[in-house]
Amino acid sequence: MKHADLRRYFRHGTLTQLAVFEAVARHQSFTRAGEELCLAQPTVSVQMKKLAQTIGVPLFTQKGRQMALTEAGQELNATLNSVFEQLSQLENRLCSIRPVATGFSRLDKGEVRKIGGRV
């Protein structure tokens, strides 16, 4: 791997955790992020705990029901917005070069679904 210091992020299924983190940061709520992602709130909480352990710093502070991003959480969120935007642009470019015969069609917001399949 070119960037050996990044290996820990690939070892623990972190991409899914990063997507969960992005939803939590946007909603400022584990519950609302879980609802958006069709995950139970305890699952969201566990994923955020594992992500914080992987990164090695707390990502959220909590006082009662109020939740806020730590400095590390703010940095991660800003970086994720850029990374997810680049992934969306990549998906757009790949959709334009995929043969139509694959049975996939481009839909809104980077979402790709099987044509004729269940939604």
C-alpha atoms as a PDB file:
ATOM      1  CA  MET A   1       0.000   0.000   0.000  1.00  0.00           C
ATOM      2  CA  LYS A   2       1.324   3.396  -0.990  1.00  0.00           C
ATOM      3  CA  HIS A   3       0.236   5.071   2.242  1.00  0.00           C
ATOM      4  CA  ALA A   4       0.950   2.516   4.959  1.00  0.00           C
ATOM      5  CA  ASP A   5      -0.156   4.946   7.674  1.00  0.00           C
ATOM      6  CA  LEU A   6      -3.708   4.743   6.259  1.00  0.00           C
ATOM      7  CA  ARG A   7      -3.880   0.950   6.540  1.00  0.00           C
ATOM      8  CA  ARG A   8      -5.859   1.066   9.808  1.00  0.00           C
ATOM      9  CA  TYR A   9      -8.738   2.783   7.999  1.00  0.00           C
ATOM     10  CA  PHE A  10      -9.111  -0.122   5.590  1.00  0.00           C
ATOM     11  CA  ARG A  11      -8.822  -2.864   8.163  1.00  0.00           C
ATOM     12  CA  HIS A  12     -12.082  -2.303  10.051  1.00  0.00           C
ATOM     13  CA  GLY A  13     -14.765  -1.598   7.444  1.00  0.00           C
ATOM     14  CA  THR A  14     -14.279   2.091   8.026  1.00  0.00           C
ATOM     15  CA  LEU A  15     -15.959   3.357   4.838  1.00  0.00           C
ATOM     16  CA  THR A  16     -19.351   2.358   6.227  1.00  0.00           C
ATOM     17  CA  GLN A  17     -18.449   3.945   9.560  1.00  0.00           C
ATOM     18  CA  LEU A  18     -17.463   7.137   7.744  1.00  0.00           C
ATOM     19  CA  ALA A  19     -20.813   7.230   5.972  1.00  0.00           C
ATOM     20  CA  VAL A  20     -22.569   6.795   9.326  1.00  0.00           C
ATOM     21  CA  PHE A  21     -20.388   9.542  10.821  1.00  0.00           C
ATOM     22  CA  GLU A  22     -21.296  11.922   7.991  1.00  0.00           C
ATOM     23  CA  ALA A  23     -25.011  11.362   8.641  1.00  0.00           C
ATOM     24  CA  VAL A  24     -24.582  11.817  12.405  1.00  0.00           C
ATOM     25  CA  ALA A  25     -22.597  15.035  11.874  1.00  0.00           C
ATOM     26  CA  ARG A  26     -25.183  16.392   9.437  1.00  0.00           C
ATOM     27  CA  HIS A  27     -28.178  15.564  11.642  1.00  0.00           C
ATOM     28  CA  GLN A  28     -26.406  16.183  14.962  1.00  0.00           C
ATOM     29  CA  SER A  29     -28.274  13.094  16.147  1.00  0.00           C
ATOM     30  CA  PHE A  30     -27.500   9.381  16.314  1.00  0.00           C
ATOM     31  CA  THR A  31     -31.217   8.597  16.164  1.00  0.00           C
ATOM     32  CA  ARG A  32     -31.965  10.687  13.051  1.00  0.00           C
ATOM     33  CA  ALA A  33     -28.832   9.376  11.315  1.00  0.00           C
ATOM     34  CA  GLY A  34     -29.977   5.837  12.091  1.00  0.00           C
ATOM     35  CA  GLU A  35     -33.429   6.555  10.681  1.00  0.00           C
ATOM     36  CA  GLU A  36     -31.899   7.921   7.468  1.00  0.00           C
ATOM     37  CA  LEU A  37     -29.604   4.912   7.090  1.00  0.00           C
ATOM     38  CA  CYS A  38     -32.164   2.341   8.286  1.00  0.00           C
ATOM     39  CA  LEU A  39     -29.982   1.452  11.273  1.00  0.00           C
ATOM     40  CA  ALA A  40     -30.965   1.135  14.908  1.00  0.00           C
ATOM     41  CA  GLN A  41     -29.633   3.898  17.157  1.00  0.00           C
ATOM     42  CA  PRO A  42     -27.467   1.432  19.166  1.00  0.00           C
ATOM     43  CA  THR A  43     -25.866   0.267  15.913  1.00  0.00           C
ATOM     44  CA  VAL A  44     -25.022   3.862  14.999  1.00  0.00           C
ATOM     45  CA  SER A  45     -23.577   4.393  18.464  1.00  0.00           C
ATOM     46  CA  VAL A  46     -21.395   1.270  18.219  1.00  0.00           C
ATOM     47  CA  GLN A  47     -20.161   2.271  14.757  1.00  0.00           C
ATOM     48  CA  MET A  48     -19.196   5.736  16.023  1.00  0.00           C
ATOM     49  CA  LYS A  49     -17.392   4.226  19.020  1.00  0.00           C
ATOM     50  CA  LYS A  50     -15.426   1.893  16.725  1.00  0.00           C
ATOM     51  CA  LEU A  51     -14.562   4.767  14.381  1.00  0.00           C
ATOM     52  CA  ALA A  52     -13.306   6.894  17.289  1.00  0.00           C
ATOM     53  CA  GLN A  53     -11.189   3.939  18.455  1.00  0.00           C
ATOM     54  CA  THR A  54      -9.762   3.462  14.961  1.00  0.00           C
ATOM     55  CA  ILE A  55      -8.920   7.149  14.609  1.00  0.00           C
ATOM     56  CA  GLY A  56      -7.715   7.397  18.192  1.00  0.00           C
ATOM     57  CA  VAL A  57      -9.552  10.573  19.262  1.00  0.00           C
ATOM     58  CA  PRO A  58     -13.115  11.416  20.353  1.00  0.00           C
ATOM     59  CA  LEU A  59     -15.327  12.694  17.543  1.00  0.00           C
ATOM     60  CA  PHE A  60     -18.288  13.930  19.591  1.00  0.00           C
ATOM     61  CA  THR A  61     -18.972  15.596  22.901  1.00  0.00           C
ATOM     62  CA  GLN A  62     -22.285  15.115  24.604  1.00  0.00           C
ATOM     63  CA  LYS A  63     -24.000  17.107  27.344  1.00  0.00           C
ATOM     64  CA  GLY A  64     -27.385  15.652  28.116  1.00  0.00           C
ATOM     65  CA  ARG A  65     -29.198  15.403  24.810  1.00  0.00           C
ATOM     66  CA  GLN A  66     -26.970  17.967  23.065  1.00  0.00           C
ATOM     67  CA  MET A  67     -24.274  16.559  20.820  1.00  0.00           C
ATOM     68  CA  ALA A  68     -21.436  18.460  19.144  1.00  0.00           C
ATOM     69  CA  LEU A  69     -18.437  17.604  17.014  1.00  0.00           C
ATOM     70  CA  THR A  70     -15.031  17.835  18.638  1.00  0.00           C
ATOM     71  CA  GLU A  71     -12.233  19.575  16.767  1.00  0.00           C
ATOM     72  CA  ALA A  72     -11.223  16.183  15.359  1.00  0.00           C
ATOM     73  CA  GLY A  73     -14.850  15.528  14.386  1.00  0.00           C
ATOM     74  CA  GLN A  74     -15.018  18.862  12.570  1.00  0.00           C
ATOM     75  CA  GLU A  75     -11.812  18.069  10.670  1.00  0.00           C
ATOM     76  CA  LEU A  76     -13.085  14.612   9.755  1.00  0.00           C
ATOM     77  CA  ASN A  77     -16.436  16.007   8.627  1.00  0.00           C
ATOM     78  CA  ALA A  78     -14.824  18.637   6.390  1.00  0.00           C
ATOM     79  CA  THR A  79     -12.547  16.029   4.838  1.00  0.00           C
ATOM     80  CA  LEU A  80     -15.408  13.563   4.343  1.00  0.00           C
ATOM     81  CA  ASN A  81     -17.491  16.142   2.522  1.00  0.00           C
ATOM     82  CA  SER A  82     -14.635  16.495   0.029  1.00  0.00           C
ATOM     83  CA  VAL A  83     -14.015  12.740  -0.243  1.00  0.00           C
ATOM     84  CA  PHE A  84     -17.701  11.910  -0.763  1.00  0.00           C
ATOM     85  CA  GLU A  85     -17.995  14.664  -3.365  1.00  0.00           C
ATOM     86  CA  GLN A  86     -15.021  13.184  -5.232  1.00  0.00           C
ATOM     87  CA  LEU A  87     -16.564   9.700  -5.030  1.00  0.00           C
ATOM     88  CA  SER A  88     -19.811  11.096  -6.422  1.00  0.00           C
ATOM     89  CA  GLN A  89     -17.921  12.716  -9.305  1.00  0.00           C
ATOM     90  CA  LEU A  90     -16.100   9.432  -9.942  1.00  0.00           C
ATOM     91  CA  GLU A  91     -19.422   7.588 -10.036  1.00  0.00           C
ATOM     92  CA  ASN A  92     -20.749  10.126 -12.560  1.00  0.00           C
ATOM     93  CA  ARG A  93     -17.698   9.634 -14.792  1.00  0.00           C
ATOM     94  CA  LEU A  94     -17.902   5.833 -14.506  1.00  0.00           C
ATOM     95  CA  CYS A  95     -21.601   5.871 -15.377  1.00  0.00           C
ATOM     96  CA  SER A  96     -20.805   7.757 -18.553  1.00  0.00           C
ATOM     97  CA  ILE A  97     -18.331   5.077 -19.686  1.00  0.00           C
ATOM     98  CA  ARG A  98     -20.163   1.932 -18.528  1.00  0.00           C
ATOM     99  CA  PRO A  99     -21.820   0.073 -21.373  1.00  0.00           C
ATOM    100  CA  VAL A 100     -25.613   0.383 -21.330  1.00  0.00           C
ATOM    101  CA  ALA A 101     -25.826  -3.406 -21.625  1.00  0.00           C
ATOM    102  CA  THR A 102     -24.825  -3.795 -17.947  1.00  0.00           C
ATOM    103  CA  GLY A 103     -28.430  -3.144 -16.937  1.00  0.00           C
ATOM    104  CA  PHE A 104     -27.549  -0.208 -14.709  1.00  0.00           C
ATOM    105  CA  SER A 105     -28.874   3.284 -15.135  1.00  0.00           C
ATOM    106  CA  ARG A 106     -27.816   6.600 -13.647  1.00  0.00           C
ATOM    107  CA  LEU A 107     -30.270   8.052 -11.133  1.00  0.00           C
ATOM    108  CA  ASP A 108     -30.126  11.131  -8.908  1.00  0.00           C
ATOM    109  CA  LYS A 109     -27.399  11.814  -6.299  1.00  0.00           C
ATOM    110  CA  GLY A 110     -25.007   9.056  -7.377  1.00  0.00           C
ATOM    111  CA  GLU A 111     -27.563   6.356  -6.737  1.00  0.00           C
ATOM    112  CA  VAL A 112     -27.327   3.400  -9.088  1.00  0.00           C
ATOM    113  CA  ARG A 113     -30.004   0.762  -9.165  1.00  0.00           C
ATOM    114  CA  LYS A 114     -30.615  -2.290 -11.280  1.00  0.00           C
ATOM    115  CA  ILE A 115     -33.111  -1.549 -14.051  1.00  0.00           C
ATOM    116  CA  GLY A 116     -36.216  -3.618 -13.585  1.00  0.00           C
ATOM    117  CA  GLY A 117     -35.129  -4.586 -10.073  1.00  0.00           C
ATOM    118  CA  ARG A 118     -36.883  -3.787  -6.864  1.00  0.00           C
ATOM    119  CA  VAL A 119     -36.384  -0.372  -5.344  1.00  0.00           C
END
